[in-house]
Protein backbone atom coordinates (compact mmCIF):
# COMPACT_ATOMS: atom_id res chain seq x y z
CA MET A 1 0.00 0.00 0.00
CA PRO A 2 1.19 3.56 -0.69
CA ASN A 3 2.65 5.50 2.21
CA TYR A 4 0.19 8.25 3.12
CA ASN A 5 2.68 10.01 5.38
CA VAL A 6 5.01 11.20 2.64
CA ASN A 7 4.98 14.91 1.96
CA ILE A 8 6.27 17.33 -0.61
CA SER A 9 8.44 20.33 0.14
CA LYS A 10 6.74 23.39 1.61
CA VAL A 11 8.58 25.46 -0.96
CA LEU A 12 6.74 23.60 -3.72
CA TRP A 13 3.21 23.54 -2.32
CA LEU A 14 3.17 26.92 -0.54
CA TRP A 15 5.82 29.45 -1.46
CA ILE A 16 6.15 28.89 -5.20
CA PRO A 17 2.39 29.10 -5.97
CA ILE A 18 1.79 32.08 -3.66
CA LEU A 19 4.79 34.04 -4.95
CA ALA A 20 3.87 33.12 -8.53
CA LEU A 21 0.34 34.44 -8.02
CA ILE A 22 1.59 37.70 -6.48
CA ALA A 23 4.15 38.17 -9.26
CA LYS A 24 1.53 37.43 -11.91
CA ILE A 25 -0.95 39.95 -10.47
CA LYS A 26 1.66 42.70 -10.14
CA THR A 27 3.01 42.02 -13.62
CA GLU A 28 -0.39 42.11 -15.29
CA LEU A 29 -1.48 45.25 -13.43
CA TYR A 30 1.61 47.34 -14.04
CA ILE A 31 3.34 46.10 -17.18
CA GLU A 32 2.85 47.92 -20.49
CA SER A 33 0.10 46.46 -22.64
CA LYS A 34 2.42 45.56 -25.53
CA HIS A 35 4.63 43.53 -23.20
CA LEU A 36 1.60 41.93 -21.57
CA GLU A 37 0.30 40.83 -24.96
CA TRP A 38 3.64 39.16 -25.61
CA LEU A 39 3.59 37.40 -22.23
CA VAL A 40 0.08 35.97 -22.55
CA GLY A 41 -0.01 35.59 -26.34
CA GLU A 42 0.17 32.44 -28.42
CA ASN A 43 3.58 30.78 -28.02
CA GLY A 44 4.45 33.39 -25.39
CA PRO A 45 6.36 32.74 -22.13
CA TYR A 46 3.21 31.78 -20.19
CA GLU A 47 2.21 29.15 -22.73
CA ILE A 48 5.74 27.77 -22.93
CA LEU A 49 5.91 27.61 -19.13
CA GLU A 50 2.69 25.58 -19.06
CA ALA A 51 4.18 23.09 -21.52
CA VAL A 52 7.40 22.86 -19.47
CA ILE A 53 5.40 22.16 -16.29
CA LEU A 54 3.55 19.33 -18.03
CA LEU A 55 6.71 17.89 -19.56
CA ILE A 56 8.31 17.75 -16.12
CA ALA A 57 5.15 16.05 -14.83
CA LEU A 58 5.36 13.59 -17.74
CA GLY A 59 8.95 12.76 -16.83
CA ILE A 60 7.93 12.12 -13.22
CA THR A 61 5.08 9.80 -14.24
CA LEU A 62 7.34 7.79 -16.54
CA PHE A 63 9.96 7.48 -13.80
CA THR A 64 7.23 6.36 -11.38
CA LEU A 65 6.01 3.70 -13.79
CA LEU A 66 9.54 2.31 -14.01
CA LYS A 67 10.20 2.27 -10.26
CA MET A 68 6.82 1.45 -8.68
CA ASP A 69 5.52 -1.96 -7.66
CA LYS A 70 4.16 -3.52 -10.85
CA SER A 71 1.80 -5.88 -9.02
CA ASN A 72 -0.83 -3.19 -8.43
CA LYS A 73 -2.32 -3.00 -11.90
CA TRP A 74 -4.92 -0.33 -11.23
CA LEU A 75 -2.37 2.06 -9.73
CA MET A 76 -0.14 1.45 -12.73
CA ALA A 77 -3.11 2.24 -14.97
CA TRP A 78 -3.79 5.43 -12.98
CA ILE A 79 -0.20 6.67 -13.33
CA GLY A 80 -0.19 5.59 -16.96
CA LEU A 81 -3.34 7.63 -17.57
CA ALA A 82 -1.67 10.63 -15.91
CA ALA A 83 1.35 10.19 -18.18
CA LEU A 84 -0.84 9.99 -21.28
CA CYS A 85 -2.77 13.13 -20.30
CA CYS A 86 0.43 15.07 -19.58
CA PHE A 87 1.85 14.02 -22.94
CA TYR A 88 -1.30 15.01 -24.82
CA VAL A 89 -1.80 18.41 -23.16
CA ALA A 90 1.90 19.34 -23.34
CA GLY A 91 1.91 18.47 -27.04
CA GLU A 92 -1.25 20.48 -27.62
CA GLU A 93 0.18 23.51 -25.78
CA ILE A 94 3.07 23.73 -28.25
CA SER A 95 1.01 22.50 -31.23
CA TRP A 96 3.17 19.37 -31.28
CA GLY A 97 6.30 21.40 -31.97
CA GLN A 98 4.91 23.50 -34.82
CA HIS A 99 5.88 26.81 -33.19
CA ILE A 100 9.37 25.50 -32.48
CA LEU A 101 10.12 23.79 -35.79
CA GLN A 102 8.07 26.32 -37.80
CA TRP A 103 6.28 23.96 -40.18
CA ASN A 104 3.21 25.01 -42.14
CA THR A 105 -0.15 23.68 -41.02
CA PRO A 106 -1.48 21.08 -43.49
CA GLU A 107 -4.46 22.32 -45.48
CA TYR A 108 -6.86 19.74 -44.02
CA CYS A 109 -5.90 20.91 -40.50
CA GLN A 110 -6.45 24.55 -41.42
CA MET A 111 -10.02 23.77 -42.44
CA LEU A 112 -10.77 22.14 -39.08
CA ASN A 113 -8.69 24.35 -36.78
CA ASP A 114 -10.03 27.82 -35.98
CA GLN A 115 -6.49 29.15 -35.39
CA GLY A 116 -4.82 27.36 -38.28
CA GLU A 117 -2.53 25.32 -36.02
CA THR A 118 -1.54 21.66 -35.87
CA ASN A 119 -3.50 20.66 -32.78
CA LEU A 120 -6.83 19.23 -31.69
CA HIS A 121 -7.94 21.62 -28.94
CA ASN A 122 -8.83 24.35 -31.44
CA THR A 123 -11.03 22.02 -33.48
CA SER A 124 -13.70 21.18 -30.90
CA SER A 125 -14.67 21.94 -27.30
CA TRP A 126 -14.43 18.19 -26.68
CA PHE A 127 -10.64 18.49 -27.00
CA ASP A 128 -10.35 21.77 -25.06
CA GLN A 129 -13.14 22.99 -22.78
CA LYS A 130 -14.45 19.58 -21.74
CA PRO A 131 -11.03 18.20 -20.64
CA ARG A 132 -10.30 21.49 -18.85
CA LEU A 133 -13.64 21.23 -17.03
CA LEU A 134 -12.83 17.67 -15.93
CA LEU A 135 -9.42 18.78 -14.69
CA SER A 136 -10.95 21.73 -12.82
CA ILE A 137 -13.50 19.45 -11.14
CA GLY A 138 -10.71 17.05 -10.19
CA VAL A 139 -8.62 19.87 -8.72
CA TYR A 140 -11.49 21.35 -6.69
CA PHE A 141 -12.74 17.96 -5.53
CA GLY A 142 -9.34 16.44 -4.81
CA GLY A 143 -7.66 19.62 -3.63
CA ILE A 144 -10.41 21.15 -1.47
CA ILE A 145 -13.34 18.84 -0.74
CA ILE A 146 -11.40 15.63 -0.08
CA PRO A 147 -8.81 17.22 2.28
CA LEU A 148 -11.59 18.95 4.23
CA LEU A 149 -13.55 15.71 4.52
CA MET A 150 -10.48 13.75 5.60
CA GLN A 151 -9.61 16.34 8.23
CA HIS A 152 -13.05 17.09 9.68
CA TYR A 153 -15.29 14.18 8.64
CA PRO A 154 -12.99 11.17 8.08
CA HIS A 155 -15.85 8.74 8.79
CA LEU A 156 -17.58 9.94 5.61
CA ILE A 157 -14.58 8.70 3.66
CA LYS A 158 -14.11 5.44 5.56
CA ASN A 159 -17.79 4.49 5.39
CA SER A 160 -18.31 5.19 1.70
CA PHE A 161 -17.04 4.02 -1.67
CA LEU A 162 -14.39 6.77 -1.45
CA ASN A 163 -12.42 4.67 1.01
CA ARG A 164 -11.10 2.44 -1.76
CA PHE A 165 -9.52 5.47 -3.47
CA GLN A 166 -7.63 6.85 -0.46
CA ASN A 167 -4.32 5.75 -1.93
CA ILE A 168 -4.65 8.30 -4.73
CA PHE A 169 -6.14 11.22 -2.78
CA PRO A 170 -4.11 14.45 -2.52
CA THR A 171 -3.17 15.76 0.91
CA ARG A 172 -4.33 19.03 2.48
CA GLN A 173 -1.13 20.66 1.18
CA PHE A 174 -2.85 20.79 -2.20
CA MET A 175 -5.50 23.18 -0.91
CA VAL A 176 -3.22 26.16 -1.55
CA VAL A 177 -2.99 25.64 -5.31
CA ALA A 178 -6.62 24.53 -5.53
CA PHE A 179 -7.82 27.72 -3.82
CA ILE A 180 -5.61 29.81 -6.13
CA CYS A 181 -7.36 28.17 -9.10
CA LEU A 182 -10.71 28.91 -7.49
CA PHE A 183 -9.67 32.52 -6.84
CA ILE A 184 -8.80 33.00 -10.52
CA LYS A 185 -12.12 31.46 -11.53
CA ILE A 186 -14.00 33.86 -9.22
CA THR A 187 -12.14 36.90 -10.61
CA ASP A 188 -13.23 35.80 -14.07
CA LYS A 189 -16.89 35.81 -12.99
CA ILE A 190 -16.42 39.21 -11.33
CA ALA A 191 -14.90 40.56 -14.54
CA ASP A 192 -18.04 39.54 -16.44
CA VAL A 193 -20.05 41.85 -14.18
CA THR A 194 -17.64 44.72 -13.48
CA SER A 195 -15.46 44.68 -16.62
CA PHE A 196 -12.40 44.82 -14.33
CA HIS A 197 -9.95 42.16 -15.45
CA LEU A 198 -7.31 41.24 -12.91
CA PHE A 199 -5.81 38.85 -15.45
CA ALA A 200 -5.50 39.47 -19.18
CA ARG A 201 -6.48 35.88 -19.96
CA ASN A 202 -8.17 34.21 -17.02
CA ALA A 203 -8.39 30.82 -18.70
CA GLU A 204 -4.64 30.75 -19.35
CA SER A 205 -3.92 31.97 -15.82
CA GLU A 206 -6.09 29.23 -14.34
CA GLU A 207 -4.50 26.63 -16.61
CA MET A 208 -1.04 27.47 -15.34
CA PHE A 209 -2.01 26.67 -11.75
CA LEU A 210 -4.12 23.66 -12.76
CA PHE A 211 -1.07 22.22 -14.47
CA TYR A 212 1.09 23.04 -11.46
CA PHE A 213 -1.42 21.11 -9.32
CA VAL A 214 -0.91 18.14 -11.65
CA LEU A 215 2.87 18.46 -11.27
CA LEU A 216 2.61 18.42 -7.48
CA TYR A 217 0.18 15.51 -7.61
CA VAL A 218 2.37 13.25 -9.73
CA LEU A 219 5.32 14.15 -7.51
CA LEU A 220 3.32 13.09 -4.45
CA MET A 221 2.29 9.84 -6.11
CA LYS A 222 5.90 9.13 -7.06
CA LYS A 223 6.96 9.52 -3.43
CA ARG A 224 4.08 7.38 -2.19
CA LEU A 225 4.48 4.54 -4.64
CA ILE A 226 8.26 4.31 -4.62
CA SER A 227 8.47 4.51 -0.82
CA ALA A 228 5.81 1.77 -0.64
CA LYS A 229 7.92 -0.47 -2.86
CA LYS A 230 11.03 0.14 -0.74
CA ALA A 231 9.06 -0.67 2.40
CA GLY A 232 8.11 -3.98 0.81
């Protein structure tokens, strides 16, 4: 069984996300508009950073698959699914290398893709908005609801079907990043009413922290599963 007592560094789950949020707010409020457009634009630093975060997460999942106990097939499938998702989203973020290698989008892709790029997420909401919604639900449920239940109402976990999934639940450390994602989502709704935009592109801002949540999660699972194997 995975070791539930393993933790990740406080620098990773607390200081980096909080300082990143503060830096992002200050940057977007005070930087010149032309520089802001470059930061948040297609193939800009923010988008590249998101891809880098996911590629690091992909590397961690692949390492975990190599080192974990292979006898637990469903946990292997869970980590394998995480690896596949990281690979897909990272590839989509950089249009599978199109912006790096500078190839021309094939004509059949241009007809399907509303931005003329070699990717799937601009062809249908099923490849963009729906997966993002699922990830958001997972982050809010796993990063806020589950830790609160485990801390204040643990019997609700132990006496329900959720008990069988405890070995993949995030810890309460994940609440910081989850609440940051929720904060960005709320500012987006406020902007719809007040026209005051704290972030130039709320969806991209939320994505960055959603992906960082994924990075922390796969790091936690690596520690759990590898320490469990060492413990025998």
